[in-house]
Amino acid sequence: MITKEFKGRDFLTLLDFTKEELETILDVAFDLKRRYAIGELHDHILRAKTLF
């Protein structure tokens, strides 16, 4: 689901990403939110990560 092209990259500003990359980020976020709403766990994705 999450592509390797984003591994190790920080989201500091919209200018750091292309339009296609931003669409991918939003698509993944939408999918995760949908899965959470139906009760599917996906806590393994961000295990041991800090979000600000």
Protein backbone atom coordinates (compact mmCIF):
# COMPACT_ATOMS: atom_id res chain seq x y z
CA MET A 1 0.00 0.00 0.00
CA ILE A 2 2.61 2.60 0.98
CA THR A 3 5.16 3.02 -1.75
CA LYS A 4 8.90 2.90 -1.11
CA GLU A 5 9.38 6.30 -2.77
CA PHE A 6 8.18 7.99 0.44
CA LYS A 7 10.41 6.07 2.84
CA GLY A 8 12.75 8.43 4.66
CA ARG A 9 11.08 11.58 3.34
CA ASP A 10 9.66 14.30 5.58
CA PHE A 11 6.47 16.21 4.81
CA LEU A 12 7.52 19.78 5.58
CA THR A 13 5.80 21.68 2.78
CA LEU A 14 3.58 20.94 -0.21
CA LEU A 15 6.38 22.13 -2.47
CA ASP A 16 8.46 19.08 -1.47
CA PHE A 17 6.15 16.78 -3.47
CA THR A 18 4.79 16.53 -6.99
CA LYS A 19 1.07 16.58 -7.71
CA GLU A 20 1.10 12.82 -8.25
CA GLU A 21 2.88 12.19 -4.95
CA LEU A 22 0.37 14.35 -3.07
CA GLU A 23 -2.49 12.46 -4.69
CA THR A 24 -0.90 9.17 -3.59
CA ILE A 25 -0.51 10.45 -0.02
CA LEU A 26 -4.16 11.55 0.08
CA ASP A 27 -5.35 8.26 -1.46
CA VAL A 28 -3.47 6.25 1.17
CA ALA A 29 -4.81 8.48 3.97
CA PHE A 30 -8.37 8.08 2.67
CA ASP A 31 -7.96 4.30 2.47
CA LEU A 32 -6.57 4.09 6.02
CA LYS A 33 -9.43 6.24 7.34
CA ARG A 34 -11.99 4.05 5.55
CA ARG A 35 -10.42 0.88 6.95
CA TYR A 36 -10.38 2.37 10.46
CA ALA A 37 -14.09 3.24 10.14
CA ILE A 38 -14.97 -0.39 9.41
CA GLY A 39 -12.90 -1.62 12.34
CA GLU A 40 -9.82 -2.86 10.51
CA LEU A 41 -6.64 -2.30 12.51
CA HIS A 42 -3.56 -0.88 10.85
CA ASP A 43 -1.48 0.09 13.86
CA HIS A 44 1.51 -1.84 12.49
CA ILE A 45 2.10 0.85 9.85
CA LEU A 46 3.19 3.55 12.29
CA ARG A 47 4.55 1.38 15.09
CA ALA A 48 7.44 3.11 16.91
CA LYS A 49 6.95 6.32 14.90
CA THR A 50 6.37 9.84 16.19
CA LEU A 51 3.87 12.11 14.46
CA PHE A 52 3.69 15.83 15.07
